[in-house]
Amino acid sequence: MYSFFKFWKQDLPAGLVVFLVALPLCLGVGFASTNLVGQTGLPNVMSGIIAGILGGILVASLSDSRLGVSGPAAGLITIVLSALSDLGTFEAFLLAVVCAGLIQFVLAFAGFGILANYVPTAVIKGMLAAIGITLILKEIPHLLGYDRDYFGDESFWQFDGHNTFSELFYALNAFEPGAVILGLVSILVLLLFDTNWLKAKSWSTYIPGALVVVILGVVANQFLLGSLRISGKHLVEVPQLNTLAQFKTIFKSPDWTQLGSTKVWVVALTIAIVGSLETLLSLEATDKLDPIKHKTNPHKELKAQGIGNLVSGLIGGLPITQVIVRSSANIAAGGQSKLSAIVHGFLLLFSILFLSGLLNQIPLAVLAAILILVGYKLAKWSLFKEMYQKGLSQFIPFMATIVAVLFTDLLKGIGVGILISIFYILKRNFQNHFTKVESAEELKIILSEEVTFLNKGGILDVLRNNQHKQITIDASRTKSIDLDVLEAIKEFKFNGEQEGRQEIILINL
């Protein structure tokens, strides 16, 4: 118990910051995942909040992740929309979420979590930088008071017909002066809180900059006059639950009559696989951002996610994954343990019960400023310099991942980055499979311990492009050699001796 609350002085403020970031994101994902296909109503809008609460309280409690934060993910929205269209009802979709949770639990025992270990570091860092850039680009319109797209969208193509870049053009031509003022002031205050001078103040540890700018934004907006004052869709919009009866209506149950439907299980498998991959990628990225480099057990994380999705589907919530935006906000706010994620979950619950009126005074421009600073910390120029200095084999997969994520989505971008990383792995295999020793008369090739079919081309390339009278191929250090390589070497020896070109000596072959 002592260990759990050991860092409460850091975790409580961090949990508050994550809550401020997560609230509009949960509402935005809930709105986009249901209303955009006609599944309207309070329960469907609140489905994102339910997933956020469970991701904070339940998943974080069961997880091994020190600083990871779970909740509804924008990356699953297209799957949710397609599923709702195919299944026809929200209740049938909830059953698919329940089944997805069960599948995730099985995947954890099957060792699916090990996949995270095979994603190259350059790709993970590219993913983080891409998310940072995406956050900046996506939140600039909200900073300017142009809120046509839902808060928290991460897709290149948006539901309003625009894309990430065209949205900036429309925003510049339709901005709200009041939002611009509050947004820019919020950024300046957040930058001030990030200076060493202010960090040195003892009280700054317990008063997060995000909370300060939110309070300032709410108060300042009350004093803005006329058209400068922000209202309506430019503010957070938490549904008001004034009675116990209204609170009960936000919960829905799965349609158990669809348990035998093939469509339900196809959707469940899709959610389980995609959600697990997003969780594992976020988990790996969060561990790399963690100041103490805590290594999370991925199998335990998948079990926690599986239980979270099972419960979420049972009571009317969206699918849950670990989310890098909220996790990075937690790290940036100084979180030290999973208590901060749990605190954010309880704050989400408390807010919809008692604070909706107050929360609905928060300008989206202020929250956009917070996310822009989170994005900046993920995509600092120093990261690009660091990756460039490591060489093209690291820099090119890094940049390719960034570009692919920006123009597609997280999983496709990661896939592109991995493919390019594989190219460089194959290239290294082509180059680093033997040692070449040359003299005027002799070429000696000393093979490495492991020689695979990937090395065949490189060995033959050296053998065919030399003018030495004697060639020695030494395999005395070789423990394993692919049959294709062995046959190619012996064929080269046979042809060389038949033509009388060279004397070829094989050692241990």
Protein backbone atom coordinates (compact mmCIF):
# COMPACT_ATOMS: atom_id res chain seq x y z
CA MET A 1 0.00 0.00 0.00
CA TYR A 2 2.85 2.35 0.91
CA SER A 3 4.55 1.63 -2.41
CA PHE A 4 1.34 2.34 -4.35
CA PHE A 5 1.00 5.83 -2.85
CA LYS A 6 4.75 6.48 -2.64
CA PHE A 7 4.70 9.15 -5.37
CA TRP A 8 1.23 10.57 -4.76
CA LYS A 9 2.54 14.14 -4.71
CA GLN A 10 3.65 13.74 -8.34
CA ASP A 11 0.92 11.35 -9.47
CA LEU A 12 -2.08 13.41 -8.39
CA PRO A 13 -1.13 16.49 -10.47
CA ALA A 14 -0.12 14.24 -13.39
CA GLY A 15 -3.46 12.41 -13.19
CA LEU A 16 -5.24 15.76 -13.31
CA VAL A 17 -3.33 16.77 -16.45
CA VAL A 18 -4.10 13.44 -18.13
CA PHE A 19 -7.77 13.89 -17.19
CA LEU A 20 -7.86 17.34 -18.83
CA VAL A 21 -6.35 15.86 -22.00
CA ALA A 22 -8.43 12.68 -21.96
CA LEU A 23 -11.88 14.19 -21.34
CA PRO A 24 -12.37 15.93 -24.71
CA LEU A 25 -10.59 13.06 -26.49
CA CYS A 26 -13.00 10.51 -24.98
CA LEU A 27 -15.98 12.65 -25.93
CA GLY A 28 -14.62 13.21 -29.44
CA VAL A 29 -13.97 9.52 -30.06
CA GLY A 30 -17.38 8.61 -28.63
CA PHE A 31 -19.10 11.15 -30.86
CA ALA A 32 -17.19 10.13 -33.99
CA SER A 33 -17.60 6.40 -33.40
CA THR A 34 -21.38 6.52 -33.11
CA ASN A 35 -23.07 9.73 -34.23
CA LEU A 36 -21.34 9.79 -37.60
CA VAL A 37 -23.24 6.67 -38.67
CA GLY A 38 -26.54 7.74 -37.17
CA GLN A 39 -26.17 5.92 -33.84
CA THR A 40 -27.26 8.98 -31.89
CA GLY A 41 -28.23 9.43 -28.28
CA LEU A 42 -26.66 9.97 -24.88
CA PRO A 43 -25.50 6.35 -24.33
CA ASN A 44 -23.54 6.35 -27.57
CA VAL A 45 -21.90 9.74 -26.99
CA MET A 46 -20.91 8.63 -23.48
CA SER A 47 -19.47 5.33 -24.72
CA GLY A 48 -16.08 7.01 -25.06
CA ILE A 49 -16.22 8.29 -21.48
CA ILE A 50 -17.11 4.81 -20.19
CA ALA A 51 -14.09 3.37 -22.00
CA GLY A 52 -11.91 6.15 -20.60
CA ILE A 53 -13.06 5.52 -17.03
CA LEU A 54 -12.44 1.77 -17.33
CA GLY A 55 -9.10 2.34 -19.05
CA GLY A 56 -8.04 4.52 -16.14
CA ILE A 57 -9.42 2.62 -13.16
CA LEU A 58 -9.65 -1.03 -14.21
CA VAL A 59 -6.95 -1.51 -16.86
CA ALA A 60 -4.34 0.60 -15.06
CA SER A 61 -4.95 -1.35 -11.84
CA LEU A 62 -4.36 -4.69 -13.59
CA SER A 63 -1.58 -3.52 -15.91
CA ASP A 64 2.16 -3.83 -15.38
CA SER A 65 2.75 -0.53 -17.20
CA ARG A 66 4.20 2.16 -14.96
CA LEU A 67 3.04 5.22 -16.92
CA GLY A 68 0.81 3.91 -19.71
CA VAL A 69 -2.73 5.30 -19.94
CA SER A 70 -5.54 3.41 -21.66
CA GLY A 71 -8.85 4.51 -23.12
CA PRO A 72 -10.77 4.71 -26.41
CA ALA A 73 -8.38 5.12 -29.34
CA ALA A 74 -8.98 7.33 -32.37
CA GLY A 75 -7.13 4.73 -34.44
CA LEU A 76 -10.01 2.27 -34.00
CA ILE A 77 -12.73 4.66 -35.18
CA THR A 78 -12.81 3.43 -38.78
CA ILE A 79 -13.16 -0.16 -37.51
CA VAL A 80 -15.95 0.90 -35.14
CA LEU A 81 -17.80 2.73 -37.92
CA SER A 82 -17.52 -0.23 -40.28
CA ALA A 83 -18.64 -2.61 -37.51
CA LEU A 84 -21.70 -0.51 -36.63
CA SER A 85 -22.66 -0.40 -40.29
CA ASP A 86 -22.27 -4.19 -40.71
CA LEU A 87 -23.87 -5.23 -37.42
CA GLY A 88 -26.73 -2.73 -37.56
CA THR A 89 -27.12 -2.01 -33.84
CA PHE A 90 -24.96 -0.62 -31.07
CA GLU A 91 -25.93 -3.55 -28.83
CA ALA A 92 -24.57 -6.09 -31.36
CA PHE A 93 -21.38 -4.07 -31.53
CA LEU A 94 -21.07 -4.19 -27.73
CA LEU A 95 -21.22 -7.98 -27.92
CA ALA A 96 -18.32 -7.87 -30.38
CA VAL A 97 -16.34 -5.76 -27.88
CA VAL A 98 -17.00 -8.36 -25.15
CA CYS A 99 -15.81 -11.15 -27.46
CA ALA A 100 -12.76 -9.08 -28.45
CA GLY A 101 -11.82 -8.85 -24.79
CA LEU A 102 -12.00 -12.63 -24.45
CA ILE A 103 -9.87 -13.07 -27.59
CA GLN A 104 -7.26 -10.63 -26.23
CA PHE A 105 -7.09 -12.62 -23.02
CA VAL A 106 -6.42 -15.79 -25.03
CA LEU A 107 -3.82 -13.98 -27.16
CA ALA A 108 -1.96 -12.99 -23.99
CA PHE A 109 -1.62 -16.65 -22.96
CA ALA A 110 -0.60 -17.56 -26.52
CA GLY A 111 2.40 -15.21 -26.32
CA PHE A 112 1.08 -12.57 -28.76
CA GLY A 113 2.70 -9.84 -26.67
CA ILE A 114 6.16 -10.82 -27.85
CA LEU A 115 5.48 -9.08 -31.19
CA ALA A 116 6.41 -5.72 -29.63
CA ASN A 117 10.01 -6.91 -29.30
CA TYR A 118 10.36 -7.11 -33.09
CA VAL A 119 9.60 -3.48 -33.88
CA PRO A 120 12.88 -1.61 -34.58
CA THR A 121 13.76 1.33 -32.35
CA ALA A 122 13.96 3.66 -35.35
CA VAL A 123 10.36 2.81 -36.22
CA ILE A 124 9.14 3.36 -32.64
CA LYS A 125 10.87 6.74 -32.50
CA GLY A 126 9.40 7.59 -35.90
CA MET A 127 5.96 6.70 -34.60
CA LEU A 128 6.41 9.00 -31.60
CA ALA A 129 7.61 11.88 -33.77
CA ALA A 130 4.74 11.32 -36.22
CA ILE A 131 2.19 11.39 -33.41
CA GLY A 132 3.78 14.59 -32.14
CA ILE A 133 3.59 16.25 -35.56
CA THR A 134 0.03 14.98 -36.03
CA LEU A 135 -1.00 16.45 -32.69
CA ILE A 136 0.43 19.84 -33.63
CA LEU A 137 -1.21 19.88 -37.07
CA LYS A 138 -4.55 18.57 -35.82
CA GLU A 139 -4.79 20.95 -32.87
CA ILE A 140 -3.87 24.15 -34.71
CA PRO A 141 -7.44 24.48 -36.12
CA HIS A 142 -8.88 24.08 -32.59
CA LEU A 143 -6.34 26.62 -31.34
CA LEU A 144 -7.71 29.03 -33.95
CA GLY A 145 -11.32 28.29 -33.03
CA TYR A 146 -12.12 26.19 -36.11
CA ASP A 147 -13.82 23.12 -34.64
CA ARG A 148 -15.44 21.45 -37.63
CA ASP A 149 -13.50 18.23 -37.06
CA TYR A 150 -14.03 16.36 -33.80
CA PHE A 151 -11.47 16.89 -31.05
CA GLY A 152 -8.93 14.05 -30.98
CA ASP A 153 -9.08 12.97 -34.63
CA GLU A 154 -5.76 11.49 -35.78
CA SER A 155 -6.66 10.32 -39.31
CA PHE A 156 -5.25 12.00 -42.42
CA TRP A 157 -8.66 11.99 -44.12
CA GLN A 158 -11.30 13.59 -41.94
CA PHE A 159 -15.03 13.07 -41.66
CA ASP A 160 -15.71 16.67 -42.73
CA GLY A 161 -14.19 15.98 -46.16
CA HIS A 162 -10.87 17.69 -45.44
CA ASN A 163 -7.47 16.24 -44.61
CA THR A 164 -4.82 17.18 -42.06
CA PHE A 165 -3.25 19.84 -44.31
CA SER A 166 -6.32 21.26 -46.06
CA GLU A 167 -7.92 21.74 -42.63
CA LEU A 168 -5.18 24.25 -41.81
CA PHE A 169 -6.13 26.33 -44.85
CA TYR A 170 -9.80 26.42 -43.87
CA ALA A 171 -8.88 27.21 -40.26
CA LEU A 172 -6.78 30.23 -41.27
CA ASN A 173 -9.75 31.63 -43.14
CA ALA A 174 -12.30 31.05 -40.37
CA PHE A 175 -10.54 31.58 -37.05
CA GLU A 176 -12.10 33.03 -33.91
CA PRO A 177 -10.08 35.95 -32.41
CA GLY A 178 -11.04 34.99 -28.84
CA ALA A 179 -9.83 31.41 -29.31
CA VAL A 180 -6.56 32.64 -30.82
CA ILE A 181 -5.93 34.94 -27.85
CA LEU A 182 -6.63 32.25 -25.25
CA GLY A 183 -4.73 29.60 -27.20
CA LEU A 184 -1.57 31.66 -27.65
CA VAL A 185 -1.60 32.88 -24.03
CA SER A 186 -1.99 29.24 -22.92
CA ILE A 187 1.05 28.21 -24.97
CA LEU A 188 3.13 31.02 -23.46
CA VAL A 189 2.10 30.02 -19.93
CA LEU A 190 2.90 26.36 -20.61
CA LEU A 191 6.32 27.31 -22.00
CA LEU A 192 6.93 29.37 -18.87
CA PHE A 193 6.10 26.36 -16.70
CA ASP A 194 8.65 24.35 -18.71
CA THR A 195 11.55 26.71 -17.97
CA ASN A 196 14.27 25.71 -15.53
CA TRP A 197 13.61 28.88 -13.53
CA LEU A 198 10.04 27.88 -12.73
CA LYS A 199 10.85 24.19 -12.35
CA ALA A 200 13.23 25.18 -9.57
CA LYS A 201 10.32 26.53 -7.51
CA SER A 202 9.16 23.93 -4.98
CA TRP A 203 5.47 24.59 -5.57
CA SER A 204 5.70 24.00 -9.36
CA THR A 205 5.83 20.22 -8.78
CA TYR A 206 2.34 20.24 -7.30
CA ILE A 207 0.67 22.80 -9.59
CA PRO A 208 0.71 21.57 -13.20
CA GLY A 209 0.86 24.16 -15.96
CA ALA A 210 -2.07 22.48 -17.74
CA LEU A 211 -4.35 23.11 -14.76
CA VAL A 212 -3.22 26.74 -14.57
CA VAL A 213 -3.99 27.44 -18.25
CA VAL A 214 -7.38 25.72 -18.00
CA ILE A 215 -8.37 27.88 -15.02
CA LEU A 216 -7.00 30.99 -16.72
CA GLY A 217 -8.85 30.09 -19.92
CA VAL A 218 -12.19 29.64 -18.15
CA VAL A 219 -11.83 32.86 -16.13
CA ALA A 220 -10.45 34.96 -18.99
CA ASN A 221 -13.23 33.84 -21.32
CA GLN A 222 -15.79 35.29 -18.90
CA PHE A 223 -14.20 38.72 -19.35
CA LEU A 224 -13.95 38.63 -23.14
CA LEU A 225 -16.52 40.96 -24.67
CA GLY A 226 -18.81 40.55 -27.64
CA SER A 227 -17.57 38.39 -30.48
CA LEU A 228 -14.32 37.64 -28.65
CA ARG A 229 -16.09 35.48 -26.09
CA ILE A 230 -15.97 31.77 -26.87
CA SER A 231 -19.20 29.78 -26.69
CA GLY A 232 -21.10 26.83 -28.12
CA LYS A 233 -19.13 24.23 -30.06
CA HIS A 234 -15.83 25.96 -29.19
CA LEU A 235 -16.20 24.75 -25.59
CA VAL A 236 -16.03 21.27 -24.07
CA GLU A 237 -19.46 19.63 -24.33
CA VAL A 238 -20.00 17.10 -21.57
CA PRO A 239 -23.61 15.80 -21.50
CA GLN A 240 -25.31 16.89 -18.29
CA LEU A 241 -26.62 14.13 -16.03
CA ASN A 242 -29.00 15.86 -13.63
CA THR A 243 -30.78 12.82 -12.20
CA LEU A 244 -30.02 9.22 -11.29
CA ALA A 245 -32.39 8.10 -14.04
CA GLN A 246 -30.33 10.00 -16.63
CA PHE A 247 -27.14 8.45 -15.28
CA LYS A 248 -28.57 4.96 -15.69
CA THR A 249 -29.43 5.63 -19.34
CA ILE A 250 -25.78 5.93 -20.38
CA PHE A 251 -25.27 2.19 -19.84
CA LYS A 252 -26.24 -0.40 -22.44
CA SER A 253 -26.03 -4.19 -22.55
CA PRO A 254 -24.84 -6.42 -25.40
CA ASP A 255 -27.33 -8.20 -27.62
CA TRP A 256 -26.63 -11.78 -26.54
CA THR A 257 -28.95 -13.16 -29.23
CA GLN A 258 -26.19 -12.33 -31.77
CA LEU A 259 -23.62 -14.59 -30.09
CA GLY A 260 -23.82 -17.08 -32.96
CA SER A 261 -23.40 -14.42 -35.64
CA THR A 262 -20.31 -14.82 -37.81
CA LYS A 263 -20.26 -11.06 -38.37
CA VAL A 264 -19.96 -10.42 -34.63
CA TRP A 265 -16.95 -12.74 -34.31
CA VAL A 266 -15.25 -11.26 -37.38
CA VAL A 267 -15.59 -7.78 -35.85
CA ALA A 268 -14.41 -9.11 -32.48
CA LEU A 269 -11.30 -10.69 -34.00
CA THR A 270 -10.54 -7.48 -35.91
CA ILE A 271 -10.86 -5.33 -32.78
CA ALA A 272 -8.77 -7.78 -30.76
CA ILE A 273 -5.91 -7.96 -33.28
CA VAL A 274 -5.80 -4.25 -34.19
CA GLY A 275 -6.37 -3.13 -30.59
CA SER A 276 -3.64 -5.45 -29.33
CA LEU A 277 -1.17 -4.21 -31.94
CA GLU A 278 -1.89 -0.57 -31.07
CA THR A 279 -1.52 -1.38 -27.38
CA LEU A 280 1.80 -3.17 -27.87
CA LEU A 281 3.19 -0.35 -30.01
CA SER A 282 2.09 2.27 -27.50
CA LEU A 283 3.50 0.14 -24.70
CA GLU A 284 6.89 -0.08 -26.39
CA ALA A 285 6.89 3.67 -27.09
CA THR A 286 5.85 4.53 -23.52
CA ASP A 287 8.62 2.38 -22.08
CA LYS A 288 11.14 4.23 -24.26
CA LEU A 289 9.80 7.60 -23.04
CA ASP A 290 9.84 6.44 -19.40
CA PRO A 291 12.69 8.26 -17.60
CA ILE A 292 13.67 5.10 -15.69
CA LYS A 293 13.11 2.81 -18.74
CA HIS A 294 10.75 0.43 -16.97
CA LYS A 295 10.13 -2.66 -19.09
CA THR A 296 6.46 -3.64 -19.06
CA ASN A 297 5.34 -7.27 -19.31
CA PRO A 298 3.38 -7.22 -22.62
CA HIS A 299 1.46 -10.41 -21.83
CA LYS A 300 0.17 -8.95 -18.57
CA GLU A 301 -0.78 -5.78 -20.43
CA LEU A 302 -2.84 -7.75 -22.98
CA LYS A 303 -4.62 -9.57 -20.17
CA ALA A 304 -5.49 -6.22 -18.57
CA GLN A 305 -6.70 -4.85 -21.91
CA GLY A 306 -8.76 -7.98 -22.49
CA ILE A 307 -10.53 -7.65 -19.13
CA GLY A 308 -11.03 -3.94 -19.78
CA ASN A 309 -12.67 -4.57 -23.15
CA LEU A 310 -14.83 -7.34 -21.75
CA VAL A 311 -16.22 -5.04 -19.04
CA SER A 312 -16.47 -2.08 -21.43
CA GLY A 313 -18.63 -4.09 -23.83
CA LEU A 314 -20.81 -5.33 -20.96
CA ILE A 315 -21.79 -1.82 -19.82
CA GLY A 316 -21.84 0.17 -23.07
CA GLY A 317 -18.26 1.34 -23.71
CA LEU A 318 -16.05 1.51 -26.77
CA PRO A 319 -12.96 -0.70 -27.28
CA ILE A 320 -9.97 0.17 -25.10
CA THR A 321 -6.28 0.30 -26.00
CA GLN A 322 -3.24 1.87 -24.45
CA VAL A 323 -2.94 5.34 -26.01
CA ILE A 324 0.40 7.05 -26.59
CA VAL A 325 -1.02 10.60 -26.52
CA ARG A 326 -2.36 10.21 -22.99
CA SER A 327 0.67 8.19 -21.90
CA SER A 328 3.10 10.84 -23.16
CA ALA A 329 1.01 13.55 -21.47
CA ASN A 330 1.33 11.56 -18.24
CA ILE A 331 5.11 11.35 -18.61
CA ALA A 332 5.42 15.04 -19.52
CA ALA A 333 3.34 15.95 -16.44
CA GLY A 334 5.75 14.09 -14.16
CA GLY A 335 3.76 10.93 -13.41
CA GLN A 336 5.75 8.36 -11.43
CA SER A 337 3.47 5.34 -11.15
CA LYS A 338 0.21 3.91 -12.41
CA LEU A 339 -1.58 5.82 -9.67
CA SER A 340 -1.69 8.82 -12.05
CA ALA A 341 -3.64 6.79 -14.65
CA ILE A 342 -6.03 5.53 -11.98
CA VAL A 343 -6.55 9.08 -10.69
CA HIS A 344 -7.42 10.24 -14.20
CA GLY A 345 -10.05 7.48 -14.42
CA PHE A 346 -11.69 8.51 -11.17
CA LEU A 347 -11.64 12.16 -12.26
CA LEU A 348 -13.44 11.21 -15.49
CA LEU A 349 -16.12 9.44 -13.41
CA PHE A 350 -16.42 12.30 -10.92
CA SER A 351 -16.59 14.90 -13.68
CA ILE A 352 -19.58 13.43 -15.51
CA LEU A 353 -21.43 12.99 -12.22
CA PHE A 354 -20.85 16.39 -10.66
CA LEU A 355 -18.75 18.76 -12.79
CA SER A 356 -20.32 18.82 -16.25
CA GLY A 357 -21.49 22.41 -15.89
CA LEU A 358 -18.01 23.62 -14.92
CA LEU A 359 -16.20 21.52 -17.52
CA ASN A 360 -18.44 22.91 -20.25
CA GLN A 361 -16.82 26.30 -19.67
CA ILE A 362 -13.38 25.08 -20.83
CA PRO A 363 -12.39 26.46 -24.27
CA LEU A 364 -11.16 23.82 -26.70
CA ALA A 365 -8.42 26.26 -27.76
CA VAL A 366 -6.86 25.94 -24.30
CA LEU A 367 -6.90 22.13 -24.43
CA ALA A 368 -5.48 22.31 -27.95
CA ALA A 369 -2.57 24.36 -26.57
CA ILE A 370 -1.85 21.61 -24.03
CA LEU A 371 -1.81 18.94 -26.75
CA ILE A 372 0.38 21.07 -29.03
CA LEU A 373 3.01 21.22 -26.29
CA VAL A 374 2.72 17.44 -25.82
CA GLY A 375 3.24 17.07 -29.57
CA TYR A 376 6.25 19.37 -29.51
CA LYS A 377 7.91 17.26 -26.82
CA LEU A 378 7.36 14.12 -28.89
CA ALA A 379 8.77 15.64 -32.09
CA LYS A 380 11.64 17.85 -30.91
CA TRP A 381 14.26 18.82 -33.47
CA SER A 382 16.91 17.14 -31.29
CA LEU A 383 15.28 13.76 -32.01
CA PHE A 384 15.70 14.28 -35.77
CA LYS A 385 19.37 15.25 -35.29
CA GLU A 386 19.96 12.22 -33.08
CA MET A 387 18.49 9.82 -35.64
CA TYR A 388 20.42 11.44 -38.52
CA GLN A 389 23.69 11.06 -36.62
CA LYS A 390 23.04 7.33 -36.24
CA GLY A 391 23.27 6.85 -40.01
CA LEU A 392 20.92 6.34 -42.94
CA SER A 393 20.01 2.80 -41.85
CA GLN A 394 18.28 4.40 -38.83
CA PHE A 395 17.28 7.77 -40.26
CA ILE A 396 15.49 6.55 -43.39
CA PRO A 397 13.15 4.07 -41.60
CA PHE A 398 12.57 6.81 -38.99
CA MET A 399 11.56 9.39 -41.62
CA ALA A 400 9.58 6.86 -43.66
CA THR A 401 7.54 5.95 -40.59
CA ILE A 402 6.79 9.62 -39.92
CA VAL A 403 5.62 10.32 -43.46
CA ALA A 404 3.58 7.11 -43.67
CA VAL A 405 1.83 7.71 -40.33
CA LEU A 406 1.04 11.32 -41.29
CA PHE A 407 -0.56 10.33 -44.58
CA THR A 408 -2.26 7.08 -43.51
CA ASP A 409 -2.63 5.87 -39.94
CA LEU A 410 -0.57 4.42 -37.10
CA LEU A 411 -0.55 0.75 -38.11
CA LYS A 412 0.05 1.36 -41.83
CA GLY A 413 2.85 3.78 -40.99
CA ILE A 414 4.48 1.28 -38.65
CA GLY A 415 4.19 -1.37 -41.37
CA VAL A 416 6.00 0.85 -43.88
CA GLY A 417 8.73 1.59 -41.35
CA ILE A 418 9.23 -2.09 -40.57
CA LEU A 419 9.47 -3.00 -44.29
CA ILE A 420 12.16 -0.38 -44.86
CA SER A 421 14.00 -1.53 -41.74
CA ILE A 422 13.92 -5.09 -43.11
CA PHE A 423 15.55 -3.81 -46.31
CA TYR A 424 18.46 -2.45 -44.28
CA ILE A 425 18.69 -5.69 -42.30
CA LEU A 426 18.95 -7.63 -45.56
CA LYS A 427 21.52 -5.15 -46.82
CA ARG A 428 23.64 -5.64 -43.71
CA ASN A 429 23.36 -9.40 -44.13
CA PHE A 430 24.53 -8.97 -47.72
CA GLN A 431 27.59 -7.06 -46.53
CA ASN A 432 28.61 -8.61 -43.22
CA HIS A 433 28.88 -12.34 -43.83
CA PHE A 434 32.60 -12.81 -44.43
CA THR A 435 36.05 -11.25 -44.05
CA LYS A 436 38.07 -10.64 -47.19
CA VAL A 437 41.89 -10.83 -47.14
CA GLU A 438 43.70 -9.96 -50.39
CA SER A 439 47.23 -10.11 -51.70
CA ALA A 440 48.62 -9.78 -55.21
CA GLU A 441 48.16 -13.46 -56.00
CA GLU A 442 45.56 -14.71 -53.54
CA LEU A 443 42.07 -13.83 -52.34
CA LYS A 444 41.07 -15.38 -49.03
CA ILE A 445 37.44 -15.35 -47.88
CA ILE A 446 36.81 -16.23 -44.22
CA LEU A 447 33.14 -17.02 -43.74
CA SER A 448 31.26 -15.91 -40.59
CA GLU A 449 29.69 -18.29 -38.05
CA GLU A 450 26.24 -18.18 -39.65
CA VAL A 451 25.89 -18.10 -43.44
CA THR A 452 22.32 -18.00 -44.77
CA PHE A 453 20.79 -17.86 -48.25
CA LEU A 454 20.69 -14.07 -47.83
CA ASN A 455 24.52 -14.09 -48.03
CA LYS A 456 24.66 -16.02 -51.31
CA GLY A 457 24.55 -12.98 -53.58
CA GLY A 458 27.32 -11.13 -51.74
CA ILE A 459 29.69 -14.10 -51.75
CA LEU A 460 29.16 -14.80 -55.46
CA ASP A 461 29.56 -11.11 -56.27
CA VAL A 462 33.06 -11.09 -54.71
CA LEU A 463 34.03 -14.42 -56.30
CA ARG A 464 32.98 -13.39 -59.80
CA ASN A 465 34.57 -9.96 -59.73
CA ASN A 466 38.20 -10.74 -58.96
CA GLN A 467 41.35 -11.46 -60.97
CA HIS A 468 43.32 -13.50 -58.42
CA LYS A 469 44.95 -16.77 -59.49
CA GLN A 470 44.16 -18.49 -56.20
CA ILE A 471 41.03 -18.24 -54.07
CA THR A 472 40.72 -19.75 -50.61
CA ILE A 473 37.31 -20.04 -48.98
CA ASP A 474 37.76 -20.78 -45.28
CA ALA A 475 34.76 -22.09 -43.30
CA SER A 476 36.68 -23.20 -40.23
CA ARG A 477 34.77 -20.70 -38.05
CA THR A 478 31.42 -21.47 -39.65
CA LYS A 479 28.89 -23.33 -37.53
CA SER A 480 26.01 -23.26 -39.99
CA ILE A 481 25.93 -22.71 -43.75
CA ASP A 482 22.85 -22.71 -45.96
CA LEU A 483 22.74 -25.46 -48.59
CA ASP A 484 22.11 -22.89 -51.36
CA VAL A 485 25.35 -21.08 -50.47
CA LEU A 486 27.33 -24.32 -50.26
CA GLU A 487 26.10 -25.50 -53.67
CA ALA A 488 26.83 -22.11 -55.24
CA ILE A 489 30.43 -22.14 -53.92
CA LYS A 490 31.08 -25.69 -55.12
CA GLU A 491 29.57 -24.89 -58.51
CA PHE A 492 31.85 -21.86 -58.81
CA LYS A 493 34.86 -24.05 -57.91
CA PHE A 494 33.90 -26.66 -60.51
CA ASN A 495 33.42 -24.08 -63.28
CA GLY A 496 36.66 -22.27 -62.40
CA GLU A 497 38.70 -25.45 -62.50
CA GLN A 498 37.06 -26.65 -65.73
CA GLU A 499 37.94 -23.40 -67.46
CA GLY A 500 41.40 -23.30 -65.87
CA ARG A 501 40.90 -19.75 -64.65
CA GLN A 502 41.76 -20.09 -60.98
CA GLU A 503 42.82 -22.49 -58.29
CA ILE A 504 40.07 -22.63 -55.67
CA ILE A 505 40.78 -24.09 -52.22
CA LEU A 506 37.92 -24.96 -49.85
CA ILE A 507 38.62 -25.35 -46.13
CA ASN A 508 36.04 -27.22 -44.02
CA LEU A 509 33.49 -27.19 -46.84
